[in-house]
Amino acid sequence: MESLRRSSSVHLIDAVDRLCDAINSHSAQRVADCFTVDYAAEVPHRPAESFTGREQVLTNWSLIFTRVPDLKARVLRTAISGSEVWSEWEMSGTSPEGLPALLVGPVVMTVRDDRITWTRFYVSPVSSVSSHPGKE
């Protein structure tokens, strides 16, 4: 039973690693291939951005790579909770305005047949220190 749990954990972490590698390849198709056809994305902080379907993943990542062609993703931490993998992400690059862009946050996901089938996505842009009131 322990080896089955360990195998399942590796399977979940492998899905996160494949997604990170796909993002860093800058291939929207490779990113989309990490997801099931019936993939469901929940974005609790911005519910209007929630969606279903791998085709929308392809559309979204095509736009992201157009807007931030030097995007680099890193997974800072992962943890397994039952059938879910929790991961903390950092994505950096250059905005269309030529400014540094940084997004960070957790993503919770489930995996079926080596593909991501569901996520709760909390990754958000980090505002610059100079944009905070009272900061110099």
C-alpha atoms as a PDB file:
ATOM      1  CA  MET A   1       0.000   0.000   0.000  1.00  0.00           C
ATOM      2  CA  GLU A   2       2.863   2.415   0.818  1.00  0.00           C
ATOM      3  CA  SER A   3       4.406   1.916  -2.635  1.00  0.00           C
ATOM      4  CA  LEU A   4       1.003   2.642  -4.242  1.00  0.00           C
ATOM      5  CA  ARG A   5       0.774   5.929  -2.302  1.00  0.00           C
ATOM      6  CA  ARG A   6       4.343   6.849  -3.246  1.00  0.00           C
ATOM      7  CA  SER A   7       3.625   6.010  -6.908  1.00  0.00           C
ATOM      8  CA  SER A   8       0.489   8.181  -6.836  1.00  0.00           C
ATOM      9  CA  SER A   9       2.434  11.069  -5.265  1.00  0.00           C
ATOM     10  CA  VAL A  10       5.142  10.849  -7.925  1.00  0.00           C
ATOM     11  CA  HIS A  11       2.426  10.808 -10.595  1.00  0.00           C
ATOM     12  CA  LEU A  12       0.964  14.065  -9.213  1.00  0.00           C
ATOM     13  CA  ILE A  13       4.339  15.808  -8.909  1.00  0.00           C
ATOM     14  CA  ASP A  14       5.269  14.671 -12.445  1.00  0.00           C
ATOM     15  CA  ALA A  15       2.196  16.505 -13.783  1.00  0.00           C
ATOM     16  CA  VAL A  16       3.378  19.735 -12.116  1.00  0.00           C
ATOM     17  CA  ASP A  17       6.892  19.280 -13.511  1.00  0.00           C
ATOM     18  CA  ARG A  18       5.546  18.612 -17.025  1.00  0.00           C
ATOM     19  CA  LEU A  19       3.440  21.776 -16.852  1.00  0.00           C
ATOM     20  CA  CYS A  20       6.410  23.872 -15.694  1.00  0.00           C
ATOM     21  CA  ASP A  21       8.583  22.456 -18.497  1.00  0.00           C
ATOM     22  CA  ALA A  22       5.827  23.137 -21.045  1.00  0.00           C
ATOM     23  CA  ILE A  23       5.476  26.754 -19.890  1.00  0.00           C
ATOM     24  CA  ASN A  24       9.232  27.246 -20.122  1.00  0.00           C
ATOM     25  CA  SER A  25       9.215  25.809 -23.673  1.00  0.00           C
ATOM     26  CA  HIS A  26       6.945  28.727 -24.702  1.00  0.00           C
ATOM     27  CA  SER A  27       4.753  26.298 -26.658  1.00  0.00           C
ATOM     28  CA  ALA A  28       1.064  26.931 -26.000  1.00  0.00           C
ATOM     29  CA  GLN A  29       0.303  23.519 -27.524  1.00  0.00           C
ATOM     30  CA  ARG A  30       2.659  21.769 -25.080  1.00  0.00           C
ATOM     31  CA  VAL A  31       0.965  23.597 -22.203  1.00  0.00           C
ATOM     32  CA  ALA A  32      -2.506  22.622 -23.462  1.00  0.00           C
ATOM     33  CA  ASP A  33      -1.375  18.998 -23.810  1.00  0.00           C
ATOM     34  CA  CYS A  34      -0.830  18.914 -20.019  1.00  0.00           C
ATOM     35  CA  PHE A  35      -4.613  19.164 -19.493  1.00  0.00           C
ATOM     36  CA  THR A  36      -7.606  16.885 -20.091  1.00  0.00           C
ATOM     37  CA  VAL A  37     -10.200  17.826 -22.707  1.00  0.00           C
ATOM     38  CA  ASP A  38     -12.743  18.438 -19.924  1.00  0.00           C
ATOM     39  CA  TYR A  39     -10.319  20.393 -17.712  1.00  0.00           C
ATOM     40  CA  ALA A  40     -11.998  22.820 -15.286  1.00  0.00           C
ATOM     41  CA  ALA A  41     -10.203  25.950 -14.057  1.00  0.00           C
ATOM     42  CA  GLU A  42     -11.478  27.785 -10.990  1.00  0.00           C
ATOM     43  CA  VAL A  43     -10.126  31.272 -10.293  1.00  0.00           C
ATOM     44  CA  PRO A  44     -11.631  32.217  -6.905  1.00  0.00           C
ATOM     45  CA  HIS A  45     -10.235  35.779  -6.833  1.00  0.00           C
ATOM     46  CA  ARG A  46     -11.438  36.501 -10.376  1.00  0.00           C
ATOM     47  CA  PRO A  47     -14.449  34.196 -10.992  1.00  0.00           C
ATOM     48  CA  ALA A  48     -15.116  35.616 -14.470  1.00  0.00           C
ATOM     49  CA  GLU A  49     -11.783  34.065 -15.548  1.00  0.00           C
ATOM     50  CA  SER A  50     -12.863  30.517 -14.591  1.00  0.00           C
ATOM     51  CA  PHE A  51     -13.416  28.228 -17.589  1.00  0.00           C
ATOM     52  CA  THR A  52     -13.712  24.663 -18.848  1.00  0.00           C
ATOM     53  CA  GLY A  53     -11.817  22.952 -21.659  1.00  0.00           C
ATOM     54  CA  ARG A  54      -8.337  22.360 -23.006  1.00  0.00           C
ATOM     55  CA  GLU A  55      -9.031  24.579 -26.045  1.00  0.00           C
ATOM     56  CA  GLN A  56      -9.343  27.587 -23.733  1.00  0.00           C
ATOM     57  CA  VAL A  57      -5.978  26.657 -22.177  1.00  0.00           C
ATOM     58  CA  LEU A  58      -4.453  26.815 -25.673  1.00  0.00           C
ATOM     59  CA  THR A  59      -6.077  30.193 -26.363  1.00  0.00           C
ATOM     60  CA  ASN A  60      -5.022  31.647 -23.002  1.00  0.00           C
ATOM     61  CA  TRP A  61      -1.393  30.490 -23.203  1.00  0.00           C
ATOM     62  CA  SER A  62      -1.044  31.628 -26.828  1.00  0.00           C
ATOM     63  CA  LEU A  63      -1.995  35.114 -25.641  1.00  0.00           C
ATOM     64  CA  ILE A  64       0.268  34.932 -22.574  1.00  0.00           C
ATOM     65  CA  PHE A  65       3.308  33.953 -24.685  1.00  0.00           C
ATOM     66  CA  THR A  66       2.538  36.763 -27.134  1.00  0.00           C
ATOM     67  CA  ARG A  67       2.340  39.337 -24.332  1.00  0.00           C
ATOM     68  CA  VAL A  68       5.267  37.971 -22.256  1.00  0.00           C
ATOM     69  CA  PRO A  69       7.583  36.149 -24.698  1.00  0.00           C
ATOM     70  CA  ASP A  70      10.372  35.730 -22.121  1.00  0.00           C
ATOM     71  CA  LEU A  71       8.107  34.186 -19.448  1.00  0.00           C
ATOM     72  CA  LYS A  72       9.947  31.869 -17.054  1.00  0.00           C
ATOM     73  CA  ALA A  73       8.095  29.613 -14.604  1.00  0.00           C
ATOM     74  CA  ARG A  74       9.388  28.047 -11.405  1.00  0.00           C
ATOM     75  CA  VAL A  75       7.675  25.743  -8.955  1.00  0.00           C
ATOM     76  CA  LEU A  76       8.869  26.741  -5.507  1.00  0.00           C
ATOM     77  CA  ARG A  77       7.144  24.032  -3.463  1.00  0.00           C
ATOM     78  CA  THR A  78       4.772  21.100  -3.842  1.00  0.00           C
ATOM     79  CA  ALA A  79       2.716  19.112  -1.351  1.00  0.00           C
ATOM     80  CA  ILE A  80       0.304  16.229  -1.723  1.00  0.00           C
ATOM     81  CA  SER A  81      -3.056  16.138   0.049  1.00  0.00           C
ATOM     82  CA  GLY A  82      -5.005  13.029  -0.849  1.00  0.00           C
ATOM     83  CA  SER A  83      -5.653  13.124  -4.585  1.00  0.00           C
ATOM     84  CA  GLU A  84      -4.590  16.778  -4.910  1.00  0.00           C
ATOM     85  CA  VAL A  85      -1.205  18.334  -5.520  1.00  0.00           C
ATOM     86  CA  TRP A  86      -0.626  21.805  -4.091  1.00  0.00           C
ATOM     87  CA  SER A  87       2.082  23.857  -5.745  1.00  0.00           C
ATOM     88  CA  GLU A  88       3.516  27.322  -5.280  1.00  0.00           C
ATOM     89  CA  TRP A  89       4.451  29.082  -8.525  1.00  0.00           C
ATOM     90  CA  GLU A  90       6.585  32.034  -9.533  1.00  0.00           C
ATOM     91  CA  MET A  91       6.412  33.350 -13.096  1.00  0.00           C
ATOM     92  CA  SER A  92       8.528  36.226 -14.300  1.00  0.00           C
ATOM     93  CA  GLY A  93       9.161  38.023 -17.549  1.00  0.00           C
ATOM     94  CA  THR A  94       8.855  41.379 -19.262  1.00  0.00           C
ATOM     95  CA  SER A  95       5.501  43.081 -19.788  1.00  0.00           C
ATOM     96  CA  PRO A  96       4.522  44.520 -23.186  1.00  0.00           C
ATOM     97  CA  GLU A  97       5.471  47.924 -21.754  1.00  0.00           C
ATOM     98  CA  GLY A  98       9.017  46.674 -21.137  1.00  0.00           C
ATOM     99  CA  LEU A  99       8.609  46.465 -17.360  1.00  0.00           C
ATOM    100  CA  PRO A 100       9.457  43.471 -15.183  1.00  0.00           C
ATOM    101  CA  ALA A 101       6.418  41.271 -14.546  1.00  0.00           C
ATOM    102  CA  LEU A 102       6.147  38.908 -11.591  1.00  0.00           C
ATOM    103  CA  LEU A 103       3.265  36.590 -10.734  1.00  0.00           C
ATOM    104  CA  VAL A 104       3.214  34.344  -7.683  1.00  0.00           C
ATOM    105  CA  GLY A 105       0.803  32.122  -5.831  1.00  0.00           C
ATOM    106  CA  PRO A 106      -0.505  28.645  -5.219  1.00  0.00           C
ATOM    107  CA  VAL A 107      -2.265  26.287  -7.607  1.00  0.00           C
ATOM    108  CA  VAL A 108      -4.212  23.270  -6.375  1.00  0.00           C
ATOM    109  CA  MET A 109      -4.790  20.550  -8.954  1.00  0.00           C
ATOM    110  CA  THR A 110      -6.021  17.039  -9.584  1.00  0.00           C
ATOM    111  CA  VAL A 111      -4.668  14.690 -12.245  1.00  0.00           C
ATOM    112  CA  ARG A 112      -6.272  11.943 -14.324  1.00  0.00           C
ATOM    113  CA  ASP A 113      -4.374   9.782 -16.837  1.00  0.00           C
ATOM    114  CA  ASP A 114      -1.222  11.910 -16.405  1.00  0.00           C
ATOM    115  CA  ARG A 115      -3.063  15.139 -17.304  1.00  0.00           C
ATOM    116  CA  ILE A 116      -4.362  17.934 -15.134  1.00  0.00           C
ATOM    117  CA  THR A 117      -8.128  17.736 -14.861  1.00  0.00           C
ATOM    118  CA  TRP A 118      -8.985  20.532 -12.384  1.00  0.00           C
ATOM    119  CA  THR A 119      -7.285  23.523 -10.753  1.00  0.00           C
ATOM    120  CA  ARG A 120      -7.949  26.276  -8.252  1.00  0.00           C
ATOM    121  CA  PHE A 121      -5.657  28.991  -9.515  1.00  0.00           C
ATOM    122  CA  TYR A 122      -4.505  31.755  -7.133  1.00  0.00           C
ATOM    123  CA  VAL A 123      -1.487  33.084  -9.070  1.00  0.00           C
ATOM    124  CA  SER A 124      -1.644  36.901  -9.262  1.00  0.00           C
ATOM    125  CA  PRO A 125       0.632  39.773 -10.285  1.00  0.00           C
ATOM    126  CA  VAL A 126       2.911  41.247  -7.641  1.00  0.00           C
ATOM    127  CA  SER A 127       2.680  45.002  -7.468  1.00  0.00           C
ATOM    128  CA  SER A 128       5.899  46.962  -7.283  1.00  0.00           C
ATOM    129  CA  VAL A 129       7.085  48.338  -3.956  1.00  0.00           C
ATOM    130  CA  SER A 130       6.860  51.869  -5.332  1.00  0.00           C
ATOM    131  CA  SER A 131       3.126  51.463  -5.967  1.00  0.00           C
ATOM    132  CA  HIS A 132       2.311  50.925  -2.284  1.00  0.00           C
ATOM    133  CA  PRO A 133       1.180  54.024  -0.356  1.00  0.00           C
ATOM    134  CA  GLY A 134       3.812  55.258   2.056  1.00  0.00           C
ATOM    135  CA  LYS A 135       6.675  53.385   0.349  1.00  0.00           C
ATOM    136  CA  GLU A 136       9.558  55.234  -1.242  1.00  0.00           C
END
